[in-house]
Amino acid sequence: HSHCEIYKRVGDCIMPREGIFAKVLESGTIKVGDKIEVIY
């Protein structure tokens, strides 16, 4: 909707085209170094 500070600084932002969003189906605890499994 409006260019972020990163876009203003370097002329590009990857989140709008590279990022994804999700809803949470089950609770838990996650931390740096944990594995994420992909189920199609």
Full PDB file with SEQRES, HELIX, SHEET, SSBOND, CRYST1, ORIGX, SCALE, CONECT and MASTER records, all heavy atoms in Angstrom:
SEQRES   1 A   40  HIS SER HIS CYS GLU ILE TYR LYS ARG VAL GLY ASP CYS          
SEQRES   2 A   40  ILE MET PRO ARG GLU GLY ILE PHE ALA LYS VAL LEU GLU          
SEQRES   3 A   40  SER GLY THR ILE LYS VAL GLY ASP LYS ILE GLU VAL ILE          
SEQRES   4 A   40  TYR                                                          
HELIX    1 AA1 GLU A    5  VAL A   10  1                                   6    
HELIX    2 AA2 MET A   15  GLU A   18  1                                   4    
CRYST1    1.000    1.000    1.000  90.00  90.00  90.00 P 1           1          
ORIGX1      1.000000  0.000000  0.000000        0.00000                         
ORIGX2      0.000000  1.000000  0.000000        0.00000                         
ORIGX3      0.000000  0.000000  1.000000        0.00000                         
SCALE1      1.000000  0.000000  0.000000        0.00000                         
SCALE2      0.000000  1.000000  0.000000        0.00000                         
SCALE3      0.000000  0.000000  1.000000        0.00000                         
ATOM      1  N   HIS A   1       0.813  -1.211   0.000  1.00  0.00           N  
ATOM      2  CA  HIS A   1       0.000   0.000   0.000  1.00  0.00           C  
ATOM      3  C   HIS A   1       0.854   1.272   0.000  1.00  0.00           C  
ATOM      4  O   HIS A   1       0.504   2.275  -0.604  1.00  0.00           O  
ATOM      5  CB  HIS A   1      -0.929   0.003   1.220  1.00  0.00           C  
ATOM      6  CG  HIS A   1      -1.910  -1.123   1.217  1.00  0.00           C  
ATOM      7  ND1 HIS A   1      -2.995  -1.145   0.364  1.00  0.00           N  
ATOM      8  CD2 HIS A   1      -1.961  -2.276   1.924  1.00  0.00           C  
ATOM      9  CE1 HIS A   1      -3.695  -2.263   0.565  1.00  0.00           C  
ATOM     10  NE2 HIS A   1      -3.088  -2.961   1.501  1.00  0.00           N  
ATOM     11  N   SER A   2       1.963   1.236   0.722  1.00  0.00           N  
ATOM     12  CA  SER A   2       2.875   2.389   0.750  1.00  0.00           C  
ATOM     13  C   SER A   2       4.285   1.859   0.902  1.00  0.00           C  
ATOM     14  O   SER A   2       4.522   0.906   1.654  1.00  0.00           O  
ATOM     15  CB  SER A   2       2.535   3.331   1.905  1.00  0.00           C  
ATOM     16  OG  SER A   2       2.608   2.663   3.145  1.00  0.00           O  
ATOM     17  N   HIS A   3       5.222   2.436   0.198  1.00  0.00           N  
ATOM     18  CA  HIS A   3       6.589   1.933   0.208  1.00  0.00           C  
ATOM     19  C   HIS A   3       7.213   2.053   1.593  1.00  0.00           C  
ATOM     20  O   HIS A   3       7.159   3.115   2.224  1.00  0.00           O  
ATOM     21  CB  HIS A   3       7.433   2.681  -0.816  1.00  0.00           C  
ATOM     22  CG  HIS A   3       7.070   2.361  -2.231  1.00  0.00           C  
ATOM     23  ND1 HIS A   3       6.789   1.076  -2.656  1.00  0.00           N  
ATOM     24  CD2 HIS A   3       6.950   3.162  -3.332  1.00  0.00           C  
ATOM     25  CE1 HIS A   3       6.517   1.097  -3.950  1.00  0.00           C  
ATOM     26  NE2 HIS A   3       6.596   2.340  -4.380  1.00  0.00           N  
ATOM     27  N   CYS A   4       7.815   0.951   2.056  1.00  0.00           N  
ATOM     28  CA  CYS A   4       8.441   0.922   3.372  1.00  0.00           C  
ATOM     29  C   CYS A   4       9.811   1.609   3.320  1.00  0.00           C  
ATOM     30  O   CYS A   4      10.299   2.028   2.268  1.00  0.00           O  
ATOM     31  CB  CYS A   4       8.591  -0.524   3.837  1.00  0.00           C  
ATOM     32  SG  CYS A   4       9.641  -1.521   2.760  1.00  0.00           S  
ATOM     33  N   GLU A   5      10.450   1.683   4.487  1.00  0.00           N  
ATOM     34  CA  GLU A   5      11.749   2.337   4.575  1.00  0.00           C  
ATOM     35  C   GLU A   5      12.804   1.611   3.751  1.00  0.00           C  
ATOM     36  O   GLU A   5      13.694   2.233   3.170  1.00  0.00           O  
ATOM     37  CB  GLU A   5      12.196   2.423   6.038  1.00  0.00           C  
ATOM     38  CG  GLU A   5      11.378   3.399   6.878  1.00  0.00           C  
ATOM     39  CD  GLU A   5      11.407   4.806   6.300  1.00  0.00           C  
ATOM     40  OE1 GLU A   5      12.501   5.277   5.899  1.00  0.00           O  
ATOM     41  OE2 GLU A   5      10.328   5.433   6.232  1.00  0.00           O  
ATOM     42  N   ILE A   6      12.708   0.281   3.697  1.00  0.00           N  
ATOM     43  CA  ILE A   6      13.677  -0.481   2.904  1.00  0.00           C  
ATOM     44  C   ILE A   6      13.544  -0.141   1.429  1.00  0.00           C  
ATOM     45  O   ILE A   6      14.538   0.067   0.733  1.00  0.00           O  
ATOM     46  CB  ILE A   6      13.482  -1.997   3.131  1.00  0.00           C  
ATOM     47  CG1 ILE A   6      13.865  -2.367   4.564  1.00  0.00           C  
ATOM     48  CG2 ILE A   6      14.303  -2.798   2.130  1.00  0.00           C  
ATOM     49  CD1 ILE A   6      13.586  -3.797   4.920  1.00  0.00           C  
ATOM     50  N   TYR A   7      12.312  -0.049   0.943  1.00  0.00           N  
ATOM     51  CA  TYR A   7      12.101   0.310  -0.467  1.00  0.00           C  
ATOM     52  C   TYR A   7      12.676   1.705  -0.747  1.00  0.00           C  
ATOM     53  O   TYR A   7      13.327   1.928  -1.775  1.00  0.00           O  
ATOM     54  CB  TYR A   7      10.620   0.280  -0.803  1.00  0.00           C  
ATOM     55  CG  TYR A   7      10.334   0.498  -2.276  1.00  0.00           C  
ATOM     56  CD1 TYR A   7      10.164  -0.576  -3.137  1.00  0.00           C  
ATOM     57  CD2 TYR A   7      10.256   1.785  -2.808  1.00  0.00           C  
ATOM     58  CE1 TYR A   7       9.926  -0.374  -4.490  1.00  0.00           C  
ATOM     59  CE2 TYR A   7      10.022   1.995  -4.159  1.00  0.00           C  
ATOM     60  CZ  TYR A   7       9.856   0.909  -4.995  1.00  0.00           C  
ATOM     61  OH  TYR A   7       9.630   1.115  -6.334  1.00  0.00           O  
ATOM     62  N   LYS A   8      12.433   2.626   0.173  1.00  0.00           N  
ATOM     63  CA  LYS A   8      12.934   3.988  -0.017  1.00  0.00           C  
ATOM     64  C   LYS A   8      14.457   4.020  -0.011  1.00  0.00           C  
ATOM     65  O   LYS A   8      15.074   4.839  -0.687  1.00  0.00           O  
ATOM     66  CB  LYS A   8      12.376   4.894   1.073  1.00  0.00           C  
ATOM     67  CG  LYS A   8      10.867   5.072   0.997  1.00  0.00           C  
ATOM     68  CD  LYS A   8      10.336   5.858   2.177  1.00  0.00           C  
ATOM     69  CE  LYS A   8       8.812   5.975   2.127  1.00  0.00           C  
ATOM     70  NZ  LYS A   8       8.255   6.660   3.323  1.00  0.00           N  
ATOM     71  N   ARG A   9      15.055   3.079   0.754  1.00  0.00           N  
ATOM     72  CA  ARG A   9      16.505   3.065   0.882  1.00  0.00           C  
ATOM     73  C   ARG A   9      17.197   2.413  -0.304  1.00  0.00           C  
ATOM     74  O   ARG A   9      18.215   2.912  -0.795  1.00  0.00           O  
ATOM     75  CB  ARG A   9      16.883   2.335   2.177  1.00  0.00           C  
ATOM     76  CG  ARG A   9      18.344   2.493   2.571  1.00  0.00           C  
ATOM     77  CD  ARG A   9      18.578   1.987   3.981  1.00  0.00           C  
ATOM     78  NE  ARG A   9      18.697   0.531   4.027  1.00  0.00           N  
ATOM     79  CZ  ARG A   9      18.134  -0.228   4.953  1.00  0.00           C  
ATOM     80  NH1 ARG A   9      17.384   0.314   5.894  1.00  0.00           N  
ATOM     81  NH2 ARG A   9      18.304  -1.534   4.931  1.00  0.00           N  
ATOM     82  N   VAL A  10      16.657   1.274  -0.785  1.00  0.00           N  
ATOM     83  CA  VAL A  10      17.344   0.525  -1.841  1.00  0.00           C  
ATOM     84  C   VAL A  10      16.525   0.384  -3.117  1.00  0.00           C  
ATOM     85  O   VAL A  10      16.986  -0.205  -4.086  1.00  0.00           O  
ATOM     86  CB  VAL A  10      17.757  -0.873  -1.325  1.00  0.00           C  
ATOM     87  CG1 VAL A  10      18.657  -0.749  -0.118  1.00  0.00           C  
ATOM     88  CG2 VAL A  10      16.529  -1.717  -1.008  1.00  0.00           C  
ATOM     89  N   GLY A  11      15.279   0.887  -3.112  1.00  0.00           N  
ATOM     90  CA  GLY A  11      14.471   0.856  -4.322  1.00  0.00           C  
ATOM     91  C   GLY A  11      13.758  -0.444  -4.577  1.00  0.00           C  
ATOM     92  O   GLY A  11      13.276  -0.688  -5.687  1.00  0.00           O  
ATOM     93  N   ASP A  12      13.690  -1.323  -3.561  1.00  0.00           N  
ATOM     94  CA  ASP A  12      13.008  -2.603  -3.731  1.00  0.00           C  
ATOM     95  C   ASP A  12      12.627  -3.147  -2.360  1.00  0.00           C  
ATOM     96  O   ASP A  12      13.219  -2.786  -1.339  1.00  0.00           O  
ATOM     97  CB  ASP A  12      13.922  -3.613  -4.440  1.00  0.00           C  
ATOM     98  CG  ASP A  12      13.186  -4.859  -4.905  1.00  0.00           C  
ATOM     99  OD1 ASP A  12      11.932  -4.819  -4.958  1.00  0.00           O  
ATOM    100  OD2 ASP A  12      13.853  -5.867  -5.208  1.00  0.00           O  
ATOM    101  N   CYS A  13      11.600  -4.011  -2.342  1.00  0.00           N  
ATOM    102  CA  CYS A  13      11.191  -4.718  -1.126  1.00  0.00           C  
ATOM    103  C   CYS A  13      10.675  -6.083  -1.559  1.00  0.00           C  
ATOM    104  O   CYS A  13       9.859  -6.168  -2.480  1.00  0.00           O  
ATOM    105  CB  CYS A  13      10.112  -3.950  -0.366  1.00  0.00           C  
ATOM    106  SG  CYS A  13       9.523  -4.804   1.123  1.00  0.00           S  
ATOM    107  N   ILE A  14      11.165  -7.132  -0.916  1.00  0.00           N  
ATOM    108  CA  ILE A  14      10.831  -8.480  -1.388  1.00  0.00           C  
ATOM    109  C   ILE A  14       9.603  -9.083  -0.722  1.00  0.00           C  
ATOM    110  O   ILE A  14       9.035 -10.042  -1.234  1.00  0.00           O  
ATOM    111  CB  ILE A  14      12.029  -9.438  -1.217  1.00  0.00           C  
ATOM    112  CG1 ILE A  14      12.417  -9.554   0.262  1.00  0.00           C  
ATOM    113  CG2 ILE A  14      13.197  -8.970  -2.073  1.00  0.00           C  
ATOM    114  CD1 ILE A  14      13.541 -10.548   0.490  1.00  0.00           C  
ATOM    115  N   MET A  15       9.172  -8.538   0.413  1.00  0.00           N  
ATOM    116  CA  MET A  15       8.059  -9.153   1.133  1.00  0.00           C  
ATOM    117  C   MET A  15       6.775  -9.242   0.300  1.00  0.00           C  
ATOM    118  O   MET A  15       6.105 -10.274   0.302  1.00  0.00           O  
ATOM    119  CB  MET A  15       7.791  -8.416   2.442  1.00  0.00           C  
ATOM    120  CG  MET A  15       6.823  -9.133   3.372  1.00  0.00           C  
ATOM    121  SD  MET A  15       7.502 -10.710   3.946  1.00  0.00           S  
ATOM    122  CE  MET A  15       6.110 -11.379   4.856  1.00  0.00           C  
ATOM    123  N   PRO A  16       6.382  -8.185  -0.437  1.00  0.00           N  
ATOM    124  CA  PRO A  16       5.129  -8.279  -1.205  1.00  0.00           C  
ATOM    125  C   PRO A  16       5.104  -9.412  -2.216  1.00  0.00           C  
ATOM    126  O   PRO A  16       4.038  -9.966  -2.494  1.00  0.00           O  
ATOM    127  CB  PRO A  16       5.055  -6.910  -1.902  1.00  0.00           C  
ATOM    128  CG  PRO A  16       5.821  -5.995  -1.004  1.00  0.00           C  
ATOM    129  CD  PRO A  16       6.960  -6.833  -0.493  1.00  0.00           C  
ATOM    130  N   ARG A  17       6.248  -9.802  -2.761  1.00  0.00           N  
ATOM    131  CA  ARG A  17       6.252 -10.868  -3.769  1.00  0.00           C  
ATOM    132  C   ARG A  17       6.827 -12.184  -3.264  1.00  0.00           C  
ATOM    133  O   ARG A  17       6.553 -13.243  -3.836  1.00  0.00           O  
ATOM    134  CB  ARG A  17       7.024 -10.425  -5.016  1.00  0.00           C  
ATOM    135  CG  ARG A  17       8.490 -10.138  -4.798  1.00  0.00           C  
ATOM    136  CD  ARG A  17       9.183  -9.755  -6.101  1.00  0.00           C  
ATOM    137  NE  ARG A  17      10.606  -9.510  -5.913  1.00  0.00           N  
ATOM    138  CZ  ARG A  17      11.130  -8.338  -5.592  1.00  0.00           C  
ATOM    139  NH1 ARG A  17      10.328  -7.290  -5.446  1.00  0.00           N  
ATOM    140  NH2 ARG A  17      12.441  -8.199  -5.434  1.00  0.00           N  
ATOM    141  N   GLU A  18       7.632 -12.166  -2.183  1.00  0.00           N  
ATOM    142  CA  GLU A  18       8.285 -13.377  -1.697  1.00  0.00           C  
ATOM    143  C   GLU A  18       7.675 -13.919  -0.410  1.00  0.00           C  
ATOM    144  O   GLU A  18       7.810 -15.107  -0.103  1.00  0.00           O  
ATOM    145  CB  GLU A  18       9.783 -13.119  -1.453  1.00  0.00           C  
ATOM    146  CG  GLU A  18      10.561 -12.638  -2.669  1.00  0.00           C  
ATOM    147  CD  GLU A  18      10.829 -13.747  -3.657  1.00  0.00           C  
ATOM    148  OE1 GLU A  18      10.610 -14.921  -3.317  1.00  0.00           O  
ATOM    149  OE2 GLU A  18      11.262 -13.437  -4.783  1.00  0.00           O  
ATOM    150  N   GLY A  19       7.018 -13.071   0.373  1.00  0.00           N  
ATOM    151  CA  GLY A  19       6.473 -13.502   1.645  1.00  0.00           C  
ATOM    152  C   GLY A  19       5.152 -14.241   1.494  1.00  0.00           C  
ATOM    153  O   GLY A  19       4.452 -14.111   0.487  1.00  0.00           O  
ATOM    154  N   ILE A  20       4.829 -15.057   2.493  1.00  0.00           N  
ATOM    155  CA  ILE A  20       3.539 -15.748   2.506  1.00  0.00           C  
ATOM    156  C   ILE A  20       2.924 -15.602   3.896  1.00  0.00           C  
ATOM    157  O   ILE A  20       3.593 -15.232   4.862  1.00  0.00           O  
ATOM    158  CB  ILE A  20       3.670 -17.247   2.121  1.00  0.00           C  
ATOM    159  CG1 ILE A  20       4.551 -18.009   3.127  1.00  0.00           C  
ATOM    160  CG2 ILE A  20       4.262 -17.386   0.726  1.00  0.00           C  
ATOM    161  CD1 ILE A  20       3.784 -18.807   4.129  1.00  0.00           C  
ATOM    162  N   PHE A  21       1.619 -15.877   3.970  1.00  0.00           N  
ATOM    163  CA  PHE A  21       0.894 -15.730   5.232  1.00  0.00           C  
ATOM    164  C   PHE A  21       0.155 -17.020   5.537  1.00  0.00           C  
ATOM    165  O   PHE A  21      -0.240 -17.761   4.637  1.00  0.00           O  
ATOM    166  CB  PHE A  21      -0.082 -14.557   5.149  1.00  0.00           C  
ATOM    167  CG  PHE A  21       0.606 -13.242   4.921  1.00  0.00           C  
ATOM    168  CD1 PHE A  21       0.905 -12.809   3.637  1.00  0.00           C  
ATOM    169  CD2 PHE A  21       0.968 -12.446   5.992  1.00  0.00           C  
ATOM    170  CE1 PHE A  21       1.558 -11.603   3.415  1.00  0.00           C  
ATOM    171  CE2 PHE A  21       1.625 -11.243   5.787  1.00  0.00           C  
ATOM    172  CZ  PHE A  21       1.921 -10.827   4.500  1.00  0.00           C  
ATOM    173  N   ALA A  22      -0.042 -17.259   6.831  1.00  0.00           N  
ATOM    174  CA  ALA A  22      -0.676 -18.501   7.252  1.00  0.00           C  
ATOM    175  C   ALA A  22      -1.527 -18.272   8.489  1.00  0.00           C  
ATOM    176  O   ALA A  22      -1.350 -17.294   9.220  1.00  0.00           O  
ATOM    177  CB  ALA A  22       0.392 -19.549   7.557  1.00  0.00           C  
ATOM    178  N   LYS A  23      -2.451 -19.193   8.712  1.00  0.00           N  
ATOM    179  CA  LYS A  23      -3.205 -19.220   9.958  1.00  0.00           C  
ATOM    180  C   LYS A  23      -2.674 -20.376  10.799  1.00  0.00           C  
ATOM    181  O   LYS A  23      -2.068 -21.323  10.270  1.00  0.00           O  
ATOM    182  CB  LYS A  23      -4.700 -19.389   9.695  1.00  0.00           C  
ATOM    183  CG  LYS A  23      -5.086 -20.681   9.007  1.00  0.00           C  
ATOM    184  CD  LYS A  23      -6.590 -20.724   8.741  1.00  0.00           C  
ATOM    185  CE  LYS A  23      -6.967 -22.018   8.029  1.00  0.00           C  
ATOM    186  NZ  LYS A  23      -8.422 -22.067   7.724  1.00  0.00           N  
ATOM    187  N   VAL A  24      -2.904 -20.297  12.099  1.00  0.00           N  
ATOM    188  CA  VAL A  24      -2.394 -21.313  13.011  1.00  0.00           C  
ATOM    189  C   VAL A  24      -3.461 -22.374  13.256  1.00  0.00           C  
ATOM    190  O   VAL A  24      -4.554 -22.066  13.739  1.00  0.00           O  
ATOM    191  CB  VAL A  24      -1.960 -20.687  14.348  1.00  0.00           C  
ATOM    192  CG1 VAL A  24      -1.406 -21.772  15.275  1.00  0.00           C  
ATOM    193  CG2 VAL A  24      -0.917 -19.601  14.124  1.00  0.00           C  
ATOM    194  N   LEU A  25      -3.136 -23.626  12.931  1.00  0.00           N  
ATOM    195  CA  LEU A  25      -4.062 -24.735  13.140  1.00  0.00           C  
ATOM    196  C   LEU A  25      -3.874 -25.386  14.506  1.00  0.00           C  
ATOM    197  O   LEU A  25      -4.847 -25.864  15.105  1.00  0.00           O  
ATOM    198  CB  LEU A  25      -3.883 -25.788  12.050  1.00  0.00           C  
ATOM    199  CG  LEU A  25      -4.101 -25.340  10.606  1.00  0.00           C  
ATOM    200  CD1 LEU A  25      -3.902 -26.519   9.660  1.00  0.00           C  
ATOM    201  CD2 LEU A  25      -5.486 -24.728  10.406  1.00  0.00           C  
ATOM    202  N   GLU A  26      -2.622 -25.431  14.990  1.00  0.00           N  
ATOM    203  CA  GLU A  26      -2.329 -26.056  16.276  1.00  0.00           C  
ATOM    204  C   GLU A  26      -1.280 -25.233  17.013  1.00  0.00           C  
ATOM    205  O   GLU A  26      -0.334 -24.721  16.404  1.00  0.00           O  
ATOM    206  CB  GLU A  26      -1.818 -27.493  16.096  1.00  0.00           C  
ATOM    207  CG  GLU A  26      -2.794 -28.442  15.420  1.00  0.00           C  
ATOM    208  CD  GLU A  26      -4.027 -28.740  16.266  1.00  0.00           C  
ATOM    209  OE1 GLU A  26      -3.969 -28.490  17.499  1.00  0.00           O  
ATOM    210  OE2 GLU A  26      -5.031 -29.221  15.697  1.00  0.00           O  
ATOM    211  N   SER A  27      -1.447 -25.118  18.320  1.00  0.00           N  
ATOM    212  CA  SER A  27      -0.516 -24.356  19.150  1.00  0.00           C  
ATOM    213  C   SER A  27       0.786 -25.118  19.382  1.00  0.00           C  
ATOM    214  O   SER A  27       0.858 -26.340  19.187  1.00  0.00           O  
ATOM    215  CB  SER A  27      -1.159 -24.032  20.500  1.00  0.00           C  
ATOM    216  OG  SER A  27      -2.347 -23.287  20.352  1.00  0.00           O  
ATOM    217  N   GLY A  28       1.812 -24.389  19.815  1.00  0.00           N  
ATOM    218  CA  GLY A  28       3.093 -25.007  20.137  1.00  0.00           C  
ATOM    219  C   GLY A  28       4.119 -23.937  20.449  1.00  0.00           C  
ATOM    220  O   GLY A  28       3.793 -22.754  20.516  1.00  0.00           O  
ATOM    221  N   THR A  29       5.346 -24.354  20.612  1.00  0.00           N  
ATOM    222  CA  THR A  29       6.464 -23.437  20.841  1.00  0.00           C  
ATOM    223  C   THR A  29       7.512 -23.674  19.765  1.00  0.00           C  
ATOM    224  O   THR A  29       7.847 -24.821  19.461  1.00  0.00           O  
ATOM    225  CB  THR A  29       7.083 -23.656  22.234  1.00  0.00           C  
ATOM    226  OG1 THR A  29       6.086 -23.441  23.235  1.00  0.00           O  
ATOM    227  CG2 THR A  29       8.235 -22.690  22.468  1.00  0.00           C  
ATOM    228  N   ILE A  30       8.010 -22.594  19.171  1.00  0.00           N  
ATOM    229  CA  ILE A  30       9.035 -22.711  18.139  1.00  0.00           C  
ATOM    230  C   ILE A  30      10.196 -21.796  18.489  1.00  0.00           C  
ATOM    231  O   ILE A  30      10.035 -20.792  19.177  1.00  0.00           O  
ATOM    232  CB  ILE A  30       8.482 -22.363  16.743  1.00  0.00           C  
ATOM    233  CG1 ILE A  30       8.017 -20.903  16.689  1.00  0.00           C  
ATOM    234  CG2 ILE A  30       7.337 -23.296  16.356  1.00  0.00           C  
ATOM    235  CD1 ILE A  30       7.584 -20.459  15.313  1.00  0.00           C  
ATOM    236  N   LYS A  31      11.377 -22.158  17.975  1.00  0.00           N  
ATOM    237  CA  LYS A  31      12.573 -21.358  18.282  1.00  0.00           C  
ATOM    238  C   LYS A  31      13.562 -21.434  17.128  1.00  0.00           C  
ATOM    239  O   LYS A  31      13.445 -22.298  16.226  1.00  0.00           O  
ATOM    240  CB  LYS A  31      13.220 -21.831  19.574  1.00  0.00           C  
ATOM    241  CG  LYS A  31      13.751 -23.248  19.559  1.00  0.00           C  
ATOM    242  CD  LYS A  31      14.319 -23.638  20.907  1.00  0.00           C  
ATOM    243  CE  LYS A  31      14.937 -25.031  20.889  1.00  0.00           C  
ATOM    244  NZ  LYS A  31      13.946 -26.066  20.511  1.00  0.00           N  
ATOM    245  N   VAL A  32      14.530 -20.563  17.158  1.00  0.00           N  
ATOM    246  CA  VAL A  32      15.587 -20.554  16.154  1.00  0.00           C  
ATOM    247  C   VAL A  32      16.297 -21.901  16.162  1.00  0.00           C  
ATOM    248  O   VAL A  32      16.617 -22.461  17.216  1.00  0.00           O  
ATOM    249  CB  VAL A  32      16.585 -19.417  16.450  1.00  0.00           C  
ATOM    250  CG1 VAL A  32      17.809 -19.530  15.547  1.00  0.00           C  
ATOM    251  CG2 VAL A  32      15.912 -18.065  16.278  1.00  0.00           C  
ATOM    252  N   GLY A  33      16.516 -22.450  14.974  1.00  0.00           N  
ATOM    253  CA  GLY A  33      17.170 -23.738  14.824  1.00  0.00           C  
ATOM    254  C   GLY A  33      16.213 -24.900  14.645  1.00  0.00           C  
ATOM    255  O   GLY A  33      16.637 -26.003  14.246  1.00  0.00           O  
ATOM    256  N   ASP A  34      14.931 -24.693  14.936  1.00  0.00           N  
ATOM    257  CA  ASP A  34      13.939 -25.758  14.763  1.00  0.00           C  
ATOM    258  C   ASP A  34      13.697 -26.031  13.272  1.00  0.00           C  
ATOM    259  O   ASP A  34      13.843 -25.139  12.426  1.00  0.00           O  
ATOM    260  CB  ASP A  34      12.615 -25.383  15.419  1.00  0.00           C  
ATOM    261  CG  ASP A  34      12.659 -25.500  16.933  1.00  0.00           C  
ATOM    262  OD1 ASP A  34      13.584 -26.152  17.450  1.00  0.00           O  
ATOM    263  OD2 ASP A  34      11.766 -24.941  17.590  1.00  0.00           O  
ATOM    264  N   LYS A  35      13.294 -27.271  12.994  1.00  0.00           N  
ATOM    265  CA  LYS A  35      12.967 -27.650  11.623  1.00  0.00           C  
ATOM    266  C   LYS A  35      11.508 -27.348  11.306  1.00  0.00           C  
ATOM    267  O   LYS A  35      10.634 -27.489  12.161  1.00  0.00           O  
ATOM    268  CB  LYS A  35      13.231 -29.143  11.404  1.00  0.00           C  
ATOM    269  CG  LYS A  35      14.698 -29.528  11.445  1.00  0.00           C  
ATOM    270  CD  LYS A  35      14.863 -31.023  11.157  1.00  0.00           C  
ATOM    271  CE  LYS A  35      16.334 -31.424  11.176  1.00  0.00           C  
ATOM    272  NZ  LYS A  35      16.505 -32.879  10.904  1.00  0.00           N  
ATOM    273  N   ILE A  36      11.242 -26.956  10.049  1.00  0.00           N  
ATOM    274  CA  ILE A  36       9.883 -26.773   9.539  1.00  0.00           C  
ATOM    275  C   ILE A  36       9.656 -27.802   8.443  1.00  0.00           C  
ATOM    276  O   ILE A  36      10.430 -27.879   7.477  1.00  0.00           O  
ATOM    277  CB  ILE A  36       9.659 -25.364   8.961  1.00  0.00           C  
ATOM    278  CG1 ILE A  36       9.895 -24.291  10.022  1.00  0.00           C  
ATOM    279  CG2 ILE A  36       8.248 -25.244   8.397  1.00  0.00           C  
ATOM    280  CD1 ILE A  36       9.753 -22.884   9.488  1.00  0.00           C  
ATOM    281  N   GLU A  37       8.622 -28.589   8.582  1.00  0.00           N  
ATOM    282  CA  GLU A  37       8.274 -29.587   7.576  1.00  0.00           C  
ATOM    283  C   GLU A  37       7.156 -29.056   6.689  1.00  0.00           C  
ATOM    284  O   GLU A  37       6.206 -28.438   7.174  1.00  0.00           O  
ATOM    285  CB  GLU A  37       7.823 -30.880   8.248  1.00  0.00           C  
ATOM    286  CG  GLU A  37       7.471 -31.999   7.268  1.00  0.00           C  
ATOM    287  CD  GLU A  37       6.948 -33.235   7.956  1.00  0.00           C  
ATOM    288  OE1 GLU A  37       6.787 -33.221   9.201  1.00  0.00           O  
ATOM    289  OE2 GLU A  37       6.685 -34.230   7.246  1.00  0.00           O  
ATOM    290  N   VAL A  38       7.263 -29.317   5.393  1.00  0.00           N  
ATOM    291  CA  VAL A  38       6.261 -28.872   4.418  1.00  0.00           C  
ATOM    292  C   VAL A  38       5.387 -30.051   4.008  1.00  0.00           C  
ATOM    293  O   VAL A  38       5.896 -31.096   3.586  1.00  0.00           O  
ATOM    294  CB  VAL A  38       6.942 -28.272   3.171  1.00  0.00           C  
ATOM    295  CG1 VAL A  38       5.900 -27.933   2.105  1.00  0.00           C  
ATOM    296  CG2 VAL A  38       7.754 -27.047   3.542  1.00  0.00           C  
ATOM    297  N   ILE A  39       4.067 -29.901   4.147  1.00  0.00           N  
ATOM    298  CA  ILE A  39       3.104 -30.920   3.719  1.00  0.00           C  
ATOM    299  C   ILE A  39       2.211 -30.300   2.640  1.00  0.00           C  
ATOM    300  O   ILE A  39       1.437 -29.376   2.921  1.00  0.00           O  
ATOM    301  CB  ILE A  39       2.228 -31.419   4.893  1.00  0.00           C  
ATOM    302  CG1 ILE A  39       3.105 -31.889   6.057  1.00  0.00           C  
ATOM    303  CG2 ILE A  39       1.290 -32.522   4.417  1.00  0.00           C  
ATOM    304  CD1 ILE A  39       3.951 -33.085   5.757  1.00  0.00           C  
ATOM    305  N   TYR A  40       2.326 -30.800   1.418  1.00  0.00           N  
ATOM    306  CA  TYR A  40       1.558 -30.233   0.312  1.00  0.00           C  
ATOM    307  C   TYR A  40       0.075 -30.589   0.434  1.00  0.00           C  
ATOM    308  O   TYR A  40      -0.277 -31.607   1.036  1.00  0.00           O  
ATOM    309  CB  TYR A  40       2.111 -30.712  -1.027  1.00  0.00           C  
ATOM    310  CG  TYR A  40       3.421 -30.064  -1.396  1.00  0.00           C  
ATOM    311  CD1 TYR A  40       4.639 -30.680  -1.092  1.00  0.00           C  
ATOM    312  CD2 TYR A  40       3.442 -28.832  -2.031  1.00  0.00           C  
ATOM    313  CE1 TYR A  40       5.848 -30.079  -1.415  1.00  0.00           C  
ATOM    314  CE2 TYR A  40       4.645 -28.221  -2.364  1.00  0.00           C  
ATOM    315  CZ  TYR A  40       5.844 -28.845  -2.051  1.00  0.00           C  
ATOM    316  OH  TYR A  40       7.018 -28.239  -2.359  1.00  0.00           O  
TER     317      TYR A  40                                                      
MASTER        0    0    0    2    0    0    0    6  316    1    0    4          
END                                                                             
